[in-house]
């Protein structure tokens, strides 16, 4: 994908920012799956529309996984959706509106860009 096309996707696609994801967690969107490394912070360039996000946490070694759970998002252009890993519950939770807005602004300033996987 050329740089211009990529920039359009970054500008108009949605971003799913995932905070505090434990390493080796499997995270999927629709038919694409990622295994989180130490710097993984989510997924960018998500086309507008309804998408299924699913995940499975791993043990420390990344050799055993919990059952897969998920949720739907209805992404709009340039939207930033923020979820934070809750260690006790072993699931992603929503943040307060104020916190979500702060992280959303940081995403729009491309502060997390190098830590985001992409859908294309």
C-alpha atoms as a PDB file:
ATOM      1  CA  UNK A   1       0.000   0.000   0.000  1.00  0.00           C
ATOM      2  CA  UNK A   2       1.435   3.386  -0.937  1.00  0.00           C
ATOM      3  CA  UNK A   3       1.921   6.123   1.692  1.00  0.00           C
ATOM      4  CA  UNK A   4      -0.953   8.287   0.404  1.00  0.00           C
ATOM      5  CA  UNK A   5      -3.477   5.437   0.601  1.00  0.00           C
ATOM      6  CA  UNK A   6      -2.212   4.496   4.057  1.00  0.00           C
ATOM      7  CA  UNK A   7      -2.587   8.085   5.272  1.00  0.00           C
ATOM      8  CA  UNK A   8      -6.190   8.160   4.006  1.00  0.00           C
ATOM      9  CA  UNK A   9      -6.952   4.963   5.941  1.00  0.00           C
ATOM     10  CA  UNK A  10      -5.323   6.402   9.074  1.00  0.00           C
ATOM     11  CA  UNK A  11      -7.359   9.626   8.742  1.00  0.00           C
ATOM     12  CA  UNK A  12     -10.701   8.070   7.827  1.00  0.00           C
ATOM     13  CA  UNK A  13     -10.488   4.635   9.378  1.00  0.00           C
ATOM     14  CA  UNK A  14     -11.317   4.004  13.007  1.00  0.00           C
ATOM     15  CA  UNK A  15      -8.739   3.072  15.636  1.00  0.00           C
ATOM     16  CA  UNK A  16      -9.188   0.542  18.414  1.00  0.00           C
ATOM     17  CA  UNK A  17      -6.740   1.496  21.175  1.00  0.00           C
ATOM     18  CA  UNK A  18      -6.157  -1.379  23.606  1.00  0.00           C
ATOM     19  CA  UNK A  19      -4.300  -0.499  26.804  1.00  0.00           C
ATOM     20  CA  UNK A  20      -2.332  -2.802  29.132  1.00  0.00           C
ATOM     21  CA  UNK A  21      -2.760  -5.876  26.911  1.00  0.00           C
ATOM     22  CA  UNK A  22      -0.792  -8.799  28.370  1.00  0.00           C
ATOM     23  CA  UNK A  23       1.863 -10.194  26.018  1.00  0.00           C
ATOM     24  CA  UNK A  24       0.789 -13.184  23.871  1.00  0.00           C
ATOM     25  CA  UNK A  25      -2.912 -12.266  24.059  1.00  0.00           C
ATOM     26  CA  UNK A  26      -4.612 -13.232  20.797  1.00  0.00           C
ATOM     27  CA  UNK A  27      -6.695 -10.347  19.445  1.00  0.00           C
ATOM     28  CA  UNK A  28      -8.822 -10.535  16.344  1.00  0.00           C
ATOM     29  CA  UNK A  29     -10.956  -8.274  14.218  1.00  0.00           C
ATOM     30  CA  UNK A  30     -13.306 -10.023  11.808  1.00  0.00           C
ATOM     31  CA  UNK A  31     -11.030 -12.558  10.044  1.00  0.00           C
ATOM     32  CA  UNK A  32      -7.650 -11.068  11.002  1.00  0.00           C
ATOM     33  CA  UNK A  33      -5.805 -12.055  14.190  1.00  0.00           C
ATOM     34  CA  UNK A  34      -2.848 -10.559  16.054  1.00  0.00           C
ATOM     35  CA  UNK A  35      -0.703 -11.916  18.875  1.00  0.00           C
ATOM     36  CA  UNK A  36       0.210  -9.052  21.173  1.00  0.00           C
ATOM     37  CA  UNK A  37       3.853  -8.327  21.743  1.00  0.00           C
ATOM     38  CA  UNK A  38       5.233  -6.047  24.452  1.00  0.00           C
ATOM     39  CA  UNK A  39       4.438  -2.855  22.488  1.00  0.00           C
ATOM     40  CA  UNK A  40       1.037  -3.782  20.997  1.00  0.00           C
ATOM     41  CA  UNK A  41      -1.574  -1.061  21.595  1.00  0.00           C
ATOM     42  CA  UNK A  42      -4.399  -1.938  19.204  1.00  0.00           C
ATOM     43  CA  UNK A  43      -5.524  -1.742  15.597  1.00  0.00           C
ATOM     44  CA  UNK A  44      -5.733   1.188  13.181  1.00  0.00           C
ATOM     45  CA  UNK A  45      -7.226   1.739   9.712  1.00  0.00           C
ATOM     46  CA  UNK A  46     -10.488  -0.041  10.584  1.00  0.00           C
ATOM     47  CA  UNK A  47     -13.021   0.621   7.801  1.00  0.00           C
ATOM     48  CA  UNK A  48     -16.296   2.231   8.970  1.00  0.00           C
ATOM     49  CA  UNK A  49     -19.007  -0.315   9.755  1.00  0.00           C
ATOM     50  CA  UNK A  50     -19.725  -3.158  12.150  1.00  0.00           C
ATOM     51  CA  UNK A  51     -16.813  -5.355  13.183  1.00  0.00           C
ATOM     52  CA  UNK A  52     -16.376  -8.223  15.641  1.00  0.00           C
ATOM     53  CA  UNK A  53     -13.465  -7.871  18.068  1.00  0.00           C
ATOM     54  CA  UNK A  54     -12.434 -11.029  19.913  1.00  0.00           C
ATOM     55  CA  UNK A  55      -9.602 -12.037  22.194  1.00  0.00           C
ATOM     56  CA  UNK A  56      -8.104 -14.818  24.245  1.00  0.00           C
ATOM     57  CA  UNK A  57      -5.606 -14.176  27.023  1.00  0.00           C
ATOM     58  CA  UNK A  58      -2.564 -16.408  27.446  1.00  0.00           C
ATOM     59  CA  UNK A  59      -0.535 -17.691  30.350  1.00  0.00           C
ATOM     60  CA  UNK A  60       2.879 -16.089  30.974  1.00  0.00           C
ATOM     61  CA  UNK A  61       4.639 -18.380  28.497  1.00  0.00           C
ATOM     62  CA  UNK A  62       2.037 -17.949  25.765  1.00  0.00           C
ATOM     63  CA  UNK A  63       1.400 -21.706  25.635  1.00  0.00           C
ATOM     64  CA  UNK A  64      -2.140 -21.897  27.088  1.00  0.00           C
ATOM     65  CA  UNK A  65      -5.117 -19.699  26.281  1.00  0.00           C
ATOM     66  CA  UNK A  66      -8.437 -18.789  27.884  1.00  0.00           C
ATOM     67  CA  UNK A  67     -11.733 -19.216  25.984  1.00  0.00           C
ATOM     68  CA  UNK A  68     -12.304 -16.671  23.211  1.00  0.00           C
ATOM     69  CA  UNK A  69     -14.648 -13.791  24.082  1.00  0.00           C
ATOM     70  CA  UNK A  70     -15.599 -10.777  22.024  1.00  0.00           C
ATOM     71  CA  UNK A  71     -17.732  -7.736  21.346  1.00  0.00           C
ATOM     72  CA  UNK A  72     -19.027  -5.807  18.357  1.00  0.00           C
ATOM     73  CA  UNK A  73     -18.077  -2.258  17.438  1.00  0.00           C
ATOM     74  CA  UNK A  74     -19.852   0.032  14.994  1.00  0.00           C
ATOM     75  CA  UNK A  75     -16.902   2.057  13.760  1.00  0.00           C
ATOM     76  CA  UNK A  76     -17.318   5.491  12.222  1.00  0.00           C
ATOM     77  CA  UNK A  77     -14.735   7.434  10.213  1.00  0.00           C
ATOM     78  CA  UNK A  78     -11.865   8.781  12.342  1.00  0.00           C
ATOM     79  CA  UNK A  79     -13.372   7.320  15.525  1.00  0.00           C
ATOM     80  CA  UNK A  80     -11.105   6.182  18.356  1.00  0.00           C
ATOM     81  CA  UNK A  81     -12.440   3.369  20.538  1.00  0.00           C
ATOM     82  CA  UNK A  82     -10.489   2.814  23.758  1.00  0.00           C
ATOM     83  CA  UNK A  83     -10.551  -0.281  25.954  1.00  0.00           C
ATOM     84  CA  UNK A  84      -8.280  -1.165  28.874  1.00  0.00           C
ATOM     85  CA  UNK A  85      -7.329  -4.659  30.042  1.00  0.00           C
ATOM     86  CA  UNK A  86      -8.716  -5.487  33.476  1.00  0.00           C
ATOM     87  CA  UNK A  87      -6.240  -7.958  34.983  1.00  0.00           C
ATOM     88  CA  UNK A  88      -8.651  -9.323  37.608  1.00  0.00           C
ATOM     89  CA  UNK A  89     -11.583  -9.780  35.215  1.00  0.00           C
ATOM     90  CA  UNK A  90      -9.312 -10.859  32.309  1.00  0.00           C
ATOM     91  CA  UNK A  91     -11.293  -8.745  29.858  1.00  0.00           C
ATOM     92  CA  UNK A  92     -11.349  -5.346  28.174  1.00  0.00           C
ATOM     93  CA  UNK A  93     -13.329  -2.617  29.929  1.00  0.00           C
ATOM     94  CA  UNK A  94     -14.439   0.887  28.921  1.00  0.00           C
ATOM     95  CA  UNK A  95     -12.754   3.957  30.352  1.00  0.00           C
ATOM     96  CA  UNK A  96     -14.420   7.090  31.647  1.00  0.00           C
ATOM     97  CA  UNK A  97     -15.396   9.567  28.910  1.00  0.00           C
ATOM     98  CA  UNK A  98     -12.700  11.976  30.074  1.00  0.00           C
ATOM     99  CA  UNK A  99      -9.962   9.323  29.923  1.00  0.00           C
ATOM    100  CA  UNK A 100     -11.205   8.050  26.563  1.00  0.00           C
ATOM    101  CA  UNK A 101     -11.086  11.593  25.152  1.00  0.00           C
ATOM    102  CA  UNK A 102      -7.518  12.101  26.367  1.00  0.00           C
ATOM    103  CA  UNK A 103      -6.345   8.869  24.717  1.00  0.00           C
ATOM    104  CA  UNK A 104      -8.364   9.662  21.589  1.00  0.00           C
ATOM    105  CA  UNK A 105      -6.532  12.986  21.228  1.00  0.00           C
ATOM    106  CA  UNK A 106      -3.173  11.205  21.611  1.00  0.00           C
ATOM    107  CA  UNK A 107      -4.146   8.723  18.852  1.00  0.00           C
ATOM    108  CA  UNK A 108      -5.109  11.612  16.549  1.00  0.00           C
ATOM    109  CA  UNK A 109      -1.673  13.151  17.184  1.00  0.00           C
ATOM    110  CA  UNK A 110      -0.248   9.757  16.020  1.00  0.00           C
ATOM    111  CA  UNK A 111       1.433   9.180  19.411  1.00  0.00           C
ATOM    112  CA  UNK A 112       0.535   5.471  19.327  1.00  0.00           C
ATOM    113  CA  UNK A 113       0.937   4.981  15.568  1.00  0.00           C
ATOM    114  CA  UNK A 114       3.992   2.695  15.679  1.00  0.00           C
ATOM    115  CA  UNK A 115       2.321   0.456  18.284  1.00  0.00           C
ATOM    116  CA  UNK A 116      -0.843  -0.221  16.250  1.00  0.00           C
ATOM    117  CA  UNK A 117      -1.423  -3.154  13.936  1.00  0.00           C
ATOM    118  CA  UNK A 118      -3.556  -2.426  10.876  1.00  0.00           C
ATOM    119  CA  UNK A 119      -6.348  -4.121   9.017  1.00  0.00           C
ATOM    120  CA  UNK A 120      -4.959  -3.804   5.493  1.00  0.00           C
END
